Structures are given as structure tokens and as C-alpha cells.
Amino acid sequence: MQHRWIPATIAGVVAAAVALSLVANGGRAAPEPTNPPVAPQPGGMIPVRTITVNGQGSVTVTPDTAHLSIGVQATADTATAALEQANTSASALIAALKDAGVKPDDIATGQLSLYPQYSSANRITGYQASNSLNVTVRDIDRSGPVIDAAAKAAGENTTIGGIWFSVDNPEAVMAAARADAITNAKQRATEYATAAGAGVGAVVQISEVGVQTPQPLYYAADMAAAESGATRTPVEAGTQELTVSVTVVYELS
């Protein structure tokens, strides 16, 4: 009997709650609660369209520095005698280079060697000693006289491995090549974008891939003129091309 009163009691409580709600709202039903506005969530953004191209630029320059590989070589019956002859000639060679105006900092030993020489029967017949120098001449017009002075000092023991040329300060002339590389990259990007029905927008990124300078080209010197002293050793530097490569990323419009 006691359980029958529970539903009635619950119903009465609900009715009382509804009545209080109506009184609080002037007899009107209380509005249903609403959720607060939700901020838009990140994601779903449209990626920026880009195009990546490589560009190259170059500048032609006249070298201002010469590099010589010059040295001495001597052959004797014993290792000591061969080395002594080479040392004497090398000392005379170094002194002549300095007298010709080459600074001590621009003279460096490149290779020093001493080897036995063998007969067809594989027997030692003597020894050969050599001493080569890497010499930097910062006035190309002085290259010929420097070679002649060195050959005169070392005499028949003189050896010349070659000569090559460079620009002492390439950064001073690279601005034009870099500007040319950017122009080349913009032209390529425009051609690709036009073919794809788009336009080229702002620059997103620029990366310098590398700077290429000419590799050393060794020119054998004519020792006949130097030994005879009849004429000066001719040296022609010509021109060189310095190249810059860049990678540029553009927006597509």
C-alpha cells in the first residue's frame, strides 16, 4: 500500500516545479537552453599554390691572378747527391722568385719527392729528387718575367708543371651574375605558369645552389725560350666565366 503513493508524490513535485517556472516567467513557458556559438576550427585551409624553378646567371671577367707550378729536378748516383742538387737549385729558385717581386706568402712547397731509378734488370741505377712550388703571381703581366727569372736561376734542373688563372676577389663581380640568375628564374617560372594557365606572384623563397668558377687549366710552359733567354715567356690569361645557380619558389596567382 505504501508504494502506491510514490508516483503520486513524484507527479506532485513535477507539477509544483512547472508552476513555479510559469510564475517566474510571467506565465510564459521557460525557453529551452541554447548552446553558445562554437568558434570555427582550424583545418581545411586551401594550400598556397607555388612553383619552384632553377635559374642561372653568369658574368665574364678578366683574370687578375696567375698560379704557377714550378720547381726543380735533379738526378744523381746516390740519394744524398740527388737531394743535395735539388735543394741547391730549389733555394736558388725561391730567391729568384722573391727578387722578381713574388711575396713569401705566395710561395708554398707543393711536392717534395725522392725516388730510385731502375734499369731494365730491375737494379737501382740512380736517384731522382724533385721539389715543386705553388707560386701565386698577383700581376699577370709579371708572369712571364717571373718564369724566366726562375728558369735562369735553376738552370737545367727547372721544371714547370703549368699555369692557371683566377680572379682574386670573385665576390666583387658576382652581383651581376646573381641578378642575372634571378631574372632567368623569373622567366622560367613565367613560361611554366603561362602554359598552366596561371600567373607568377610573389617570391616565397630563394636559395643559392652554388657558385661555379673555372677549373684550373694547366698550360705547359715553353722552356726553350726561358733557357735561351732570347725572348720573354708569353702568357695570355684570356677571360673566364663565373656562374651562379639559384632555386626560387614563387606563388601562383
Protein backbone atom coordinates (compact mmCIF):
# COMPACT_ATOMS: atom_id res chain seq x y z
CA MET A 1 0.00 0.00 0.00
CA GLN A 2 2.76 2.37 0.79
CA HIS A 3 4.35 2.07 -2.76
CA ARG A 4 1.23 3.40 -4.46
CA TRP A 5 1.87 6.84 -3.10
CA ILE A 6 5.30 7.23 -4.75
CA PRO A 7 4.08 8.03 -8.32
CA ALA A 8 1.59 10.48 -6.96
CA THR A 9 4.22 12.20 -4.89
CA ILE A 10 6.60 12.48 -7.88
CA ALA A 11 3.83 13.87 -10.06
CA GLY A 12 3.08 16.48 -7.46
CA VAL A 13 6.68 17.60 -7.27
CA VAL A 14 6.87 17.97 -11.05
CA ALA A 15 3.66 19.94 -11.17
CA ALA A 16 4.90 22.26 -8.47
CA ALA A 17 8.16 22.84 -10.35
CA VAL A 18 6.24 23.70 -13.53
CA ALA A 19 4.03 26.11 -11.65
CA LEU A 20 6.99 27.91 -10.12
CA SER A 21 8.59 28.19 -13.59
CA LEU A 22 5.43 29.77 -15.02
CA VAL A 23 5.27 32.27 -12.20
CA ALA A 24 8.92 33.25 -12.67
CA ASN A 25 8.37 33.87 -16.40
CA GLY A 26 5.14 35.79 -16.12
CA GLY A 27 3.02 32.87 -17.04
CA ARG A 28 5.08 32.07 -20.08
CA ALA A 29 6.88 28.79 -20.56
CA ALA A 30 10.65 28.93 -19.88
CA PRO A 31 12.73 28.92 -23.09
CA GLU A 32 14.74 25.87 -23.86
CA PRO A 33 18.50 26.28 -23.15
CA THR A 34 20.69 27.04 -26.17
CA ASN A 35 24.38 26.16 -26.73
CA PRO A 36 26.91 29.05 -27.04
CA PRO A 37 28.35 29.73 -30.54
CA VAL A 38 31.31 27.48 -31.42
CA ALA A 39 34.49 29.07 -32.84
CA PRO A 40 35.50 27.78 -36.25
CA GLN A 41 38.05 25.02 -36.03
CA PRO A 42 41.35 25.12 -37.92
CA GLY A 43 41.86 22.79 -40.82
CA GLY A 44 40.51 22.64 -44.29
CA MET A 45 42.62 25.63 -45.35
CA ILE A 46 43.36 25.89 -49.05
CA PRO A 47 47.16 25.47 -49.58
CA VAL A 48 49.05 28.22 -51.39
CA ARG A 49 49.96 27.16 -54.92
CA THR A 50 53.65 27.58 -55.72
CA ILE A 51 56.12 26.86 -58.48
CA THR A 52 59.82 26.07 -57.95
CA VAL A 53 62.38 26.78 -60.66
CA ASN A 54 66.14 26.95 -61.06
CA GLY A 55 67.87 29.98 -62.51
CA GLN A 56 71.40 30.54 -63.75
CA GLY A 57 73.40 33.69 -64.26
CA SER A 58 76.95 34.34 -65.36
CA VAL A 59 79.48 37.11 -65.70
CA THR A 60 82.57 37.20 -67.90
CA VAL A 61 85.67 38.55 -66.21
CA THR A 62 89.34 39.04 -66.97
CA PRO A 63 91.56 37.14 -64.52
CA ASP A 64 93.93 39.20 -62.41
CA THR A 65 95.97 36.43 -60.72
CA ALA A 66 98.26 33.74 -62.12
CA HIS A 67 99.17 30.47 -60.37
CA LEU A 68 102.36 28.67 -61.31
CA SER A 69 103.53 25.15 -60.62
CA ILE A 70 107.27 25.46 -60.91
CA GLY A 71 110.13 23.52 -59.38
CA VAL A 72 113.40 21.67 -59.79
CA GLN A 73 114.51 18.13 -60.52
CA ALA A 74 117.90 16.51 -60.13
CA THR A 75 119.33 13.05 -60.85
CA ALA A 76 122.44 11.56 -59.25
CA ASP A 77 124.05 8.22 -58.42
CA THR A 78 123.10 8.43 -54.76
CA ALA A 79 120.03 9.64 -52.95
CA THR A 80 122.06 12.14 -50.94
CA ALA A 81 123.67 13.66 -54.02
CA ALA A 82 120.32 13.93 -55.87
CA LEU A 83 118.65 15.58 -52.90
CA GLU A 84 121.55 17.99 -52.40
CA GLN A 85 121.42 19.10 -56.02
CA ALA A 86 117.66 19.58 -55.84
CA ASN A 87 117.95 21.55 -52.61
CA THR A 88 120.59 23.85 -54.08
CA SER A 89 118.51 24.52 -57.18
CA ALA A 90 115.32 24.99 -55.13
CA SER A 91 117.00 27.57 -52.91
CA ALA A 92 118.18 29.49 -55.97
CA LEU A 93 114.70 29.24 -57.46
CA ILE A 94 113.00 30.63 -54.34
CA ALA A 95 115.47 33.50 -54.13
CA ALA A 96 114.85 34.37 -57.78
CA LEU A 97 111.08 34.36 -57.27
CA LYS A 98 111.37 36.78 -54.37
CA ASP A 99 113.74 39.02 -56.33
CA ALA A 100 111.15 39.05 -59.14
CA GLY A 101 108.59 40.54 -56.77
CA VAL A 102 106.73 37.44 -55.52
CA LYS A 103 105.86 37.76 -51.84
CA PRO A 104 106.98 34.99 -49.46
CA ASP A 105 103.34 34.28 -48.53
CA ASP A 106 102.67 33.48 -52.20
CA ILE A 107 105.35 30.77 -52.37
CA ALA A 108 104.49 27.33 -50.96
CA THR A 109 106.06 23.91 -51.36
CA GLY A 110 103.68 21.74 -53.34
CA GLN A 111 105.52 18.45 -53.58
CA LEU A 112 108.85 17.03 -52.44
CA SER A 113 109.95 13.61 -53.68
CA LEU A 114 112.94 11.29 -53.93
CA TYR A 115 112.74 8.07 -55.97
CA PRO A 116 115.24 5.40 -57.07
CA GLN A 117 115.63 4.76 -60.77
CA TYR A 118 115.83 1.22 -62.10
CA SER A 119 117.42 -0.47 -65.06
CA SER A 120 115.70 -3.00 -67.29
CA ALA A 121 117.14 -5.67 -64.97
CA ASN A 122 115.31 -4.02 -62.05
CA ARG A 123 118.54 -2.74 -60.49
CA ILE A 124 118.91 0.71 -58.97
CA THR A 125 120.91 2.94 -61.32
CA GLY A 126 120.48 6.24 -59.52
CA TYR A 127 118.07 8.55 -57.71
CA GLN A 128 115.84 11.39 -58.78
CA ALA A 129 114.87 14.20 -56.41
CA SER A 130 112.30 16.90 -57.11
CA ASN A 131 110.88 19.91 -55.34
CA SER A 132 107.90 21.78 -56.78
CA LEU A 133 106.44 25.09 -55.65
CA ASN A 134 102.98 26.59 -55.93
CA VAL A 135 103.52 30.25 -56.77
CA THR A 136 100.89 32.99 -56.91
CA VAL A 137 101.63 35.98 -59.12
CA ARG A 138 99.17 38.80 -58.42
CA ASP A 139 100.08 40.76 -61.52
CA ILE A 140 99.53 38.59 -64.58
CA ASP A 141 101.78 40.80 -66.70
CA ARG A 142 104.62 39.75 -64.40
CA SER A 143 104.06 36.03 -65.01
CA GLY A 144 106.39 35.79 -67.99
CA PRO A 145 109.32 37.58 -66.31
CA VAL A 146 108.82 35.52 -63.13
CA ILE A 147 109.03 32.28 -65.12
CA ASP A 148 112.13 33.48 -66.95
CA ALA A 149 113.85 34.51 -63.71
CA ALA A 150 113.06 31.18 -62.07
CA ALA A 151 114.33 29.18 -65.05
CA LYS A 152 117.52 31.22 -65.21
CA ALA A 153 118.20 30.62 -61.51
CA ALA A 154 117.56 26.87 -61.51
CA GLY A 155 119.05 26.24 -64.94
CA GLU A 156 118.69 22.77 -66.43
CA ASN A 157 117.06 21.48 -63.25
CA THR A 158 113.98 23.68 -63.79
CA THR A 159 110.56 22.04 -64.19
CA ILE A 160 107.27 23.77 -64.89
CA GLY A 161 104.05 21.89 -64.24
CA GLY A 162 101.78 24.55 -65.67
CA ILE A 163 99.96 27.83 -65.14
CA TRP A 164 96.33 28.73 -64.49
CA PHE A 165 94.41 31.92 -63.78
CA SER A 166 91.79 33.18 -61.37
CA VAL A 167 90.01 36.27 -60.06
CA ASP A 168 91.43 37.28 -56.69
CA ASN A 169 88.08 38.57 -55.32
CA PRO A 170 85.21 36.86 -57.18
CA GLU A 171 82.58 38.25 -54.77
CA ALA A 172 83.27 41.72 -56.10
CA VAL A 173 81.93 40.73 -59.52
CA MET A 174 79.23 38.22 -58.57
CA ALA A 175 76.39 40.74 -58.04
CA ALA A 176 75.68 40.92 -61.77
CA ALA A 177 75.66 37.11 -62.07
CA ARG A 178 73.21 36.77 -59.14
CA ALA A 179 70.86 39.36 -60.63
CA ASP A 180 71.05 37.52 -63.94
CA ALA A 181 70.17 34.25 -62.18
CA ILE A 182 67.05 35.76 -60.59
CA THR A 183 65.94 37.18 -63.95
CA ASN A 184 66.44 33.77 -65.55
CA ALA A 185 64.41 32.08 -62.80
CA LYS A 186 61.53 34.58 -63.20
CA GLN A 187 61.47 33.97 -66.95
CA ARG A 188 61.29 30.20 -66.49
CA ALA A 189 58.56 30.49 -63.87
CA THR A 190 56.52 32.75 -66.15
CA GLU A 191 56.80 30.31 -69.05
CA TYR A 192 55.65 27.36 -66.93
CA ALA A 193 52.85 29.34 -65.28
CA THR A 194 51.55 30.65 -68.60
CA ALA A 195 51.48 27.14 -70.02
CA ALA A 196 49.47 26.03 -66.98
CA GLY A 197 47.03 28.93 -67.22
CA ALA A 198 48.31 30.73 -64.13
CA GLY A 199 50.33 33.78 -63.23
CA VAL A 200 53.51 34.32 -61.21
CA GLY A 201 53.10 36.00 -57.84
CA ALA A 202 55.44 36.99 -55.03
CA VAL A 203 58.74 35.32 -54.23
CA VAL A 204 58.41 32.82 -51.40
CA GLN A 205 62.00 31.58 -51.10
CA ILE A 206 65.42 31.98 -52.73
CA SER A 207 68.29 29.53 -52.29
CA GLU A 208 71.74 29.83 -53.83
CA VAL A 209 72.66 26.39 -55.10
CA GLY A 210 76.28 27.17 -55.85
CA VAL A 211 78.88 29.35 -57.48
CA GLN A 212 80.99 27.81 -60.21
CA THR A 213 84.41 29.13 -61.02
CA PRO A 214 86.54 27.76 -63.85
CA GLN A 215 88.57 24.70 -63.01
CA PRO A 216 92.35 25.09 -63.23
CA LEU A 217 93.62 24.64 -66.76
CA TYR A 218 97.29 23.87 -66.80
CA TYR A 219 99.23 25.25 -69.73
CA ALA A 220 102.66 23.79 -70.32
CA ALA A 221 105.30 26.47 -70.49
CA ASP A 222 107.81 26.64 -73.31
CA MET A 223 111.17 26.19 -71.62
CA ALA A 224 113.23 26.74 -74.78
CA ALA A 225 112.67 30.49 -74.71
CA ALA A 226 113.34 30.67 -70.98
CA GLU A 227 116.59 28.72 -71.21
CA SER A 228 117.95 30.64 -74.16
CA GLY A 229 116.93 34.00 -72.76
CA ALA A 230 116.14 35.16 -76.30
CA THR A 231 112.53 36.15 -75.66
CA ARG A 232 110.24 36.51 -72.72
CA THR A 233 107.90 33.61 -71.97
CA PRO A 234 104.50 34.70 -73.36
CA VAL A 235 101.49 34.42 -71.04
CA GLU A 236 97.89 35.15 -72.09
CA ALA A 237 95.15 34.99 -69.43
CA GLY A 238 92.10 35.39 -71.68
CA THR A 239 88.70 35.63 -69.95
CA GLN A 240 86.71 33.44 -67.58
CA GLU A 241 83.01 32.90 -66.91
CA LEU A 242 81.72 32.80 -63.33
CA THR A 243 78.33 31.13 -62.91
CA VAL A 244 75.68 31.31 -60.16
CA SER A 245 72.80 28.84 -59.74
CA VAL A 246 69.72 29.64 -57.62
CA THR A 247 66.45 27.94 -56.73
CA VAL A 248 63.45 30.25 -56.44
CA VAL A 249 59.93 29.49 -55.18
CA TYR A 250 57.09 31.74 -56.47
CA GLU A 251 53.41 31.92 -55.60
CA LEU A 252 51.00 31.13 -58.40
CA SER A 253 48.18 33.61 -58.92
